[in-house]
N, C-alpha and C. Protein backbone atom coordinates (compact mmCIF):
# COMPACT_ATOMS: atom_id res chain seq x y z
N MET A 1 149.17 159.12 267.41
CA MET A 1 148.91 159.46 265.98
C MET A 1 147.94 160.18 266.03
N THR A 2 147.29 161.20 265.14
CA THR A 2 146.36 162.22 264.89
C THR A 2 145.30 161.42 264.01
N PRO A 3 144.23 161.61 263.97
CA PRO A 3 143.11 160.67 263.41
C PRO A 3 143.91 161.60 261.46
N SER A 4 143.92 162.92 261.53
CA SER A 4 144.07 162.80 259.84
C SER A 4 145.58 162.19 259.53
N LYS A 5 146.17 161.57 260.43
CA LYS A 5 147.70 160.86 260.18
C LYS A 5 147.29 159.30 259.79
N SER A 6 146.53 159.20 260.72
CA SER A 6 145.68 157.67 260.77
C SER A 6 145.33 157.44 259.43
N THR A 7 144.17 158.53 259.03
CA THR A 7 143.21 158.42 257.90
C THR A 7 143.97 158.27 256.49
N PHE A 8 145.14 159.17 256.40
CA PHE A 8 146.21 159.31 256.02
C PHE A 8 147.07 157.75 255.33
N TRP A 9 147.40 157.19 256.57
CA TRP A 9 148.01 156.06 256.25
C TRP A 9 147.32 154.61 255.99
N LEU A 10 145.89 154.75 256.52
CA LEU A 10 145.06 153.84 255.96
C LEU A 10 144.68 153.79 254.64
N THR A 11 144.85 155.29 254.25
CA THR A 11 144.38 155.51 252.70
C THR A 11 145.43 154.83 251.98
N LEU A 12 146.78 155.31 252.31
CA LEU A 12 147.76 154.91 251.35
C LEU A 12 147.88 153.50 251.33
N GLY A 13 147.66 153.04 252.63
CA GLY A 13 148.21 151.36 252.62
C GLY A 13 147.01 150.68 251.39
N MET A 14 145.47 150.99 252.07
CA MET A 14 144.69 150.22 250.84
C MET A 14 144.83 150.78 248.95
N PHE A 15 145.35 151.79 249.05
CA PHE A 15 145.74 152.46 247.52
C PHE A 15 146.81 151.11 247.10
N LEU A 16 147.85 151.22 247.95
CA LEU A 16 149.30 150.17 247.49
C LEU A 16 148.47 148.71 247.51
N LEU A 17 147.51 148.19 248.21
CA LEU A 17 147.30 146.88 248.26
C LEU A 17 146.49 146.62 246.84
N VAL A 18 146.20 147.95 246.41
CA VAL A 18 145.10 147.90 245.01
C VAL A 18 146.13 147.58 244.02
N LEU A 19 147.03 149.00 243.93
CA LEU A 19 147.80 149.22 242.94
C LEU A 19 149.02 148.55 242.98
N ILE A 20 149.80 147.61 243.34
CA ILE A 20 150.62 146.69 243.71
C ILE A 20 150.23 145.60 242.64
N PRO A 21 149.09 145.19 242.51
CA PRO A 21 149.03 143.81 242.09
C PRO A 21 148.10 144.25 240.79
N VAL A 22 147.83 145.27 240.59
CA VAL A 22 147.81 145.76 239.23
C VAL A 22 148.88 146.19 238.37
N ILE A 23 149.90 146.49 238.95
CA ILE A 23 150.73 146.62 238.33
C ILE A 23 151.45 145.58 237.60
N ILE A 24 151.66 144.30 238.74
CA ILE A 24 151.94 143.26 238.68
C ILE A 24 151.45 142.50 237.22
N TRP A 25 149.73 142.22 237.56
CA TRP A 25 148.98 141.62 236.48
C TRP A 25 149.79 142.72 235.01
N GLY A 26 149.56 143.87 234.88
CA GLY A 26 150.12 144.66 233.95
C GLY A 26 151.57 144.37 233.39
N LEU A 27 152.41 143.98 234.23
CA LEU A 27 153.73 143.52 233.80
C LEU A 27 153.89 142.07 233.10
N VAL A 28 153.07 141.25 233.84
CA VAL A 28 153.25 139.80 233.57
C VAL A 28 152.22 139.92 232.06
N SER A 29 151.25 140.34 231.97
CA SER A 29 150.02 140.37 230.79
C SER A 29 151.34 141.04 228.97
N THR A 30 151.64 141.92 229.25
CA THR A 30 152.49 142.46 228.36
C THR A 30 153.57 141.43 228.10
N LYS A 31 154.39 140.71 228.86
CA LYS A 31 155.23 140.27 228.33
C LYS A 31 154.73 138.83 227.33
N SER A 32 153.58 138.17 227.81
CA SER A 32 153.21 137.58 226.91
C SER A 32 152.23 137.88 225.34
N ALA A 33 152.05 138.99 225.60
CA ALA A 33 151.71 139.57 224.67
C ALA A 33 152.27 139.05 222.87
N VAL A 34 151.53 138.94 222.06
CA VAL A 34 151.77 138.05 220.66
C VAL A 34 152.30 139.71 219.99
N LYS A 35 153.45 139.65 219.21
CA LYS A 35 154.06 141.14 218.37
C LYS A 35 153.42 140.92 217.16
N PRO A 36 153.01 142.08 216.56
CA PRO A 36 152.34 142.90 215.20
C PRO A 36 153.11 141.65 214.58
N GLY A 37 152.14 141.12 213.64
CA GLY A 37 153.02 139.77 212.68
C GLY A 37 153.80 139.30 213.31
N GLN A 38 153.97 138.60 213.97
CA GLN A 38 155.16 137.68 214.46
C GLN A 38 154.72 136.06 213.77
N TYR A 39 153.21 135.82 213.72
CA TYR A 39 152.93 134.62 212.95
C TYR A 39 152.15 135.02 211.98
N ASP A 40 152.53 135.95 211.07
CA ASP A 40 151.97 136.32 209.57
C ASP A 40 152.54 134.98 208.95
N ASN A 41 153.93 134.63 208.79
CA ASN A 41 154.45 133.38 207.83
C ASN A 41 153.53 131.97 208.13
N LEU A 42 153.17 131.80 209.52
CA LEU A 42 152.56 130.24 210.35
C LEU A 42 151.34 130.24 209.77
N ALA A 43 150.68 131.70 209.57
CA ALA A 43 149.13 131.88 209.53
C ALA A 43 148.91 131.56 207.53
N LYS A 44 149.86 132.38 207.19
CA LYS A 44 149.49 131.85 205.93
C LYS A 44 150.41 130.77 205.09
N CYS A 45 151.25 130.22 206.15
CA CYS A 45 151.37 128.85 205.02
C CYS A 45 150.45 127.70 205.63
N LEU A 46 149.70 128.00 207.11
CA LEU A 46 148.48 126.99 207.44
C LEU A 46 147.21 127.50 205.92
N THR A 47 147.06 128.66 205.85
CA THR A 47 145.97 128.68 204.79
C THR A 47 146.61 127.92 203.54
N GLN A 48 147.58 128.19 203.11
CA GLN A 48 148.32 128.05 202.30
C GLN A 48 148.03 126.37 202.27
N SER A 49 148.17 125.33 203.01
CA SER A 49 148.64 124.06 203.03
C SER A 49 146.65 123.39 203.00
N GLY A 50 145.79 124.32 203.13
CA GLY A 50 144.33 123.69 203.14
C GLY A 50 144.12 124.07 204.26
N ALA A 51 144.70 124.61 205.63
CA ALA A 51 144.12 124.31 207.26
C ALA A 51 142.76 125.49 207.30
N LYS A 52 141.84 124.94 208.02
CA LYS A 52 140.70 125.85 208.06
C LYS A 52 140.49 125.82 209.74
N MET A 53 140.53 126.74 210.23
CA MET A 53 139.45 126.68 211.62
C MET A 53 138.05 126.68 211.64
N PHE A 54 137.11 126.41 212.18
CA PHE A 54 135.60 126.17 212.05
C PHE A 54 135.15 126.92 213.86
N GLY A 55 134.63 127.94 213.83
CA GLY A 55 134.39 128.37 215.15
C GLY A 55 133.28 129.03 215.17
N ALA A 56 132.76 129.89 216.16
CA ALA A 56 131.72 130.44 216.46
C ALA A 56 132.24 132.05 217.05
N TYR A 57 131.27 132.88 216.99
CA TYR A 57 131.75 134.39 217.21
C TYR A 57 131.55 134.24 219.17
N TRP A 58 130.63 132.89 219.67
CA TRP A 58 130.37 133.42 221.10
C TRP A 58 130.74 132.60 221.96
N CYS A 59 132.54 131.48 221.24
CA CYS A 59 132.93 130.99 221.88
C CYS A 59 134.30 131.02 222.50
N THR A 60 134.54 130.83 223.81
CA THR A 60 135.96 131.32 224.11
C THR A 60 137.01 130.76 223.65
N HIS A 61 136.92 129.25 223.42
CA HIS A 61 138.04 129.45 223.04
C HIS A 61 138.07 129.63 221.82
N CYS A 62 137.33 129.61 220.67
CA CYS A 62 137.88 130.13 219.48
C CYS A 62 138.02 131.69 219.92
N GLN A 63 138.07 132.93 220.79
CA GLN A 63 138.36 133.66 221.12
C GLN A 63 140.50 133.62 221.45
N ASN A 64 139.84 132.82 222.33
CA ASN A 64 141.48 132.20 222.70
C ASN A 64 142.41 132.13 221.44
N GLN A 65 141.85 130.93 221.10
CA GLN A 65 142.70 130.20 219.58
C GLN A 65 142.93 131.74 218.57
N LYS A 66 142.42 132.31 218.54
CA LYS A 66 142.47 133.53 217.83
C LYS A 66 143.21 134.82 218.22
N ARG A 67 143.02 135.23 219.69
CA ARG A 67 143.99 135.78 220.25
C ARG A 67 145.78 135.40 220.38
N SER A 68 145.45 134.34 220.21
CA SER A 68 147.09 133.34 220.19
C SER A 68 147.73 133.70 218.88
N PHE A 69 147.25 133.99 217.89
CA PHE A 69 147.79 134.50 216.60
C PHE A 69 148.06 136.00 216.46
N GLY A 70 147.66 136.75 217.11
CA GLY A 70 147.09 138.69 217.46
C GLY A 70 146.78 139.14 215.99
N ASP A 71 147.55 139.78 215.48
CA ASP A 71 147.28 140.21 214.21
C ASP A 71 147.44 139.26 212.70
N SER A 72 148.20 138.27 212.56
CA SER A 72 148.42 137.22 212.29
C SER A 72 146.77 136.65 211.87
N PHE A 73 145.96 136.80 212.40
CA PHE A 73 144.73 135.43 212.44
C PHE A 73 144.26 136.19 211.20
N GLN A 74 144.72 137.64 210.64
CA GLN A 74 143.42 137.89 209.59
C GLN A 74 144.14 136.81 208.43
N TYR A 75 145.10 135.87 208.04
CA TYR A 75 145.67 135.22 207.00
C TYR A 75 144.89 133.95 207.38
N ILE A 76 144.42 133.51 208.10
CA ILE A 76 143.94 132.26 208.98
C ILE A 76 142.91 132.39 207.97
N LYS A 77 142.72 131.00 207.08
CA LYS A 77 141.15 130.66 206.34
C LYS A 77 139.99 130.16 208.04
N TYR A 78 139.15 131.12 208.17
CA TYR A 78 138.58 131.21 209.35
C TYR A 78 137.10 130.78 208.58
N VAL A 79 136.04 129.57 209.34
CA VAL A 79 134.64 129.82 208.88
C VAL A 79 134.25 130.23 209.97
N GLU A 80 132.98 131.19 210.04
CA GLU A 80 132.17 131.45 210.82
C GLU A 80 130.96 130.69 211.10
N CYS A 81 130.96 129.98 212.16
CA CYS A 81 129.70 128.50 212.08
C CYS A 81 128.59 129.08 212.51
N ALA A 82 128.93 130.35 213.47
CA ALA A 82 127.32 130.68 214.21
C ALA A 82 126.59 131.64 213.17
N LEU A 83 125.53 131.62 212.78
CA LEU A 83 124.77 132.71 212.27
C LEU A 83 124.28 133.77 212.61
N ALA A 84 123.74 134.66 212.62
CA ALA A 84 123.16 136.13 213.35
C ALA A 84 121.98 135.07 213.35
N VAL A 85 121.13 134.67 212.64
CA VAL A 85 119.76 134.27 212.85
C VAL A 85 119.48 132.74 212.64
N GLY A 86 118.68 132.50 214.07
CA GLY A 86 118.60 130.72 214.30
C GLY A 86 119.79 130.47 215.35
N ASN A 87 119.25 129.32 215.54
CA ASN A 87 120.32 128.21 216.12
C ASN A 87 121.03 127.41 215.15
N GLU A 88 120.59 127.00 213.98
CA GLU A 88 121.26 126.46 213.03
C GLU A 88 123.15 127.01 212.29
N PRO A 89 123.72 126.00 212.61
CA PRO A 89 125.04 126.59 211.91
C PRO A 89 125.20 126.53 210.30
N ALA A 90 126.43 127.59 210.18
CA ALA A 90 126.43 127.75 208.76
C ALA A 90 126.48 126.22 207.92
N GLN A 91 126.17 126.52 206.31
CA GLN A 91 126.21 125.33 205.95
C GLN A 91 127.12 124.88 205.74
N GLU A 92 128.44 125.41 205.46
CA GLU A 92 129.57 125.20 205.59
C GLU A 92 129.93 124.01 206.42
N CYS A 93 130.03 124.71 207.64
CA CYS A 93 130.22 123.80 209.11
C CYS A 93 129.09 122.55 208.95
N LYS A 94 127.97 122.47 208.61
CA LYS A 94 126.84 121.38 208.81
C LYS A 94 127.86 120.43 207.40
N ASP A 95 127.88 120.72 206.10
CA ASP A 95 128.97 119.76 205.69
C ASP A 95 129.91 119.39 205.60
N ALA A 96 130.85 120.00 206.87
CA ALA A 96 131.99 119.52 207.74
C ALA A 96 131.91 118.57 208.54
N GLY A 97 130.81 118.74 209.09
CA GLY A 97 130.34 117.95 210.25
C GLY A 97 130.54 118.10 211.93
N ILE A 98 130.87 119.88 211.47
CA ILE A 98 131.44 120.50 212.78
C ILE A 98 130.66 119.97 214.03
N LYS A 99 130.83 119.77 215.02
CA LYS A 99 130.07 119.68 216.20
C LYS A 99 131.16 120.44 217.53
N VAL A 100 132.30 121.09 217.39
CA VAL A 100 133.08 121.35 218.33
C VAL A 100 133.70 122.76 218.08
N TYR A 101 133.45 123.63 218.74
CA TYR A 101 134.32 124.84 218.01
C TYR A 101 135.77 125.09 219.24
N PRO A 102 136.34 125.54 218.71
CA PRO A 102 136.96 125.52 217.57
C PRO A 102 137.68 124.45 216.95
N THR A 103 137.11 123.99 215.97
CA THR A 103 137.81 122.48 215.23
C THR A 103 138.55 123.06 213.66
N TRP A 104 139.75 122.61 213.96
CA TRP A 104 140.85 122.71 212.92
C TRP A 104 140.60 121.61 211.76
N ILE A 105 140.79 121.77 210.68
CA ILE A 105 140.53 121.06 209.30
C ILE A 105 141.79 121.11 208.63
N PHE A 106 142.65 120.14 208.63
CA PHE A 106 144.07 120.34 207.88
C PHE A 106 143.77 119.76 206.60
N GLY A 107 144.95 120.51 205.37
CA GLY A 107 144.73 119.96 203.96
C GLY A 107 145.08 118.07 203.67
N ASN A 108 145.18 117.73 204.47
CA ASN A 108 145.12 116.18 204.20
C ASN A 108 144.18 115.55 205.04
N GLY A 109 142.64 116.49 205.26
CA GLY A 109 141.89 115.78 205.80
C GLY A 109 141.75 115.67 207.28
N GLU A 110 142.78 115.55 208.33
CA GLU A 110 142.90 115.62 209.35
C GLU A 110 142.07 116.45 210.22
N ARG A 111 141.37 116.56 210.79
CA ARG A 111 140.76 117.35 211.84
C ARG A 111 140.95 117.07 213.65
N VAL A 112 140.93 118.31 214.32
CA VAL A 112 141.48 118.45 215.53
C VAL A 112 140.33 119.10 216.33
N GLU A 113 139.92 119.15 217.24
CA GLU A 113 138.83 119.23 218.09
C GLU A 113 138.97 120.04 218.85
N GLY A 114 139.17 121.79 219.62
CA GLY A 114 139.78 122.26 220.53
C GLY A 114 140.69 123.17 220.24
N GLU A 115 141.19 123.97 221.25
CA GLU A 115 142.28 125.07 220.95
C GLU A 115 143.60 124.06 220.79
N MET A 116 144.21 124.98 219.87
CA MET A 116 146.01 124.41 219.72
C MET A 116 146.85 125.13 220.08
N SER A 117 147.97 124.87 220.51
CA SER A 117 148.89 125.75 220.38
C SER A 117 149.60 126.24 219.17
N VAL A 118 150.18 127.21 218.97
CA VAL A 118 151.43 127.25 217.93
C VAL A 118 152.37 126.42 217.43
N GLU A 119 152.66 125.85 218.90
CA GLU A 119 153.52 124.68 218.52
C GLU A 119 152.92 123.34 218.10
N GLN A 120 151.73 123.46 218.07
CA GLN A 120 150.64 122.03 217.94
C GLN A 120 150.31 122.13 216.44
N LEU A 121 149.85 123.69 215.99
CA LEU A 121 149.69 123.69 214.66
C LEU A 121 150.86 123.48 213.76
N MET A 122 152.03 124.03 214.25
CA MET A 122 153.23 123.93 213.23
C MET A 122 153.67 122.30 213.24
N GLN A 123 153.47 121.62 213.98
CA GLN A 123 153.33 119.86 214.00
C GLN A 123 152.86 119.23 213.12
N LYS A 124 151.56 119.98 213.32
CA LYS A 124 150.54 119.06 212.40
C LYS A 124 150.58 119.94 211.00
N SER A 125 151.14 120.79 210.87
CA SER A 125 151.07 121.30 209.48
C SER A 125 152.54 120.98 208.42
N SER A 126 153.24 121.11 209.52
CA SER A 126 154.47 121.24 208.93
C SER A 126 154.78 122.44 208.54
N CYS A 127 154.36 123.65 208.88
CA CYS A 127 154.28 124.95 208.78
C CYS A 127 155.45 125.56 209.73
N GLN A 128 156.32 126.40 209.34
CA GLN A 128 156.95 127.73 210.73
C GLN A 128 157.17 128.74 210.44
N ILE A 129 157.14 128.93 211.82
CA ILE A 129 156.99 130.70 212.09
C ILE A 129 157.99 131.68 211.14
């Protein structure tokens, strides 16, 4: 094989080694994406039932929780505990005794600390999709 042919095959092989995993990741990640409006009814019901999510903008678990609702998160009653100034949490978070993010407080006063799946939220609230 000439040097130019071997360079071609080496370049093609390297390209495929990078491209194939990227394609597979793209296919897998789009299947798990939340469809726009998919959880609107659930999010509205949670808010109407008195449920609130307390979180912080820097909290990765809070970001995951928000992503689990997609666009429907706009209907969730969300309280941002991390103030832009200082290390003190927002007063509403202090009053509620929030120590862990995210924390869900439901209309009946029950509290759950940490991320919750959509299914768990439906069970705790009796809300449906």
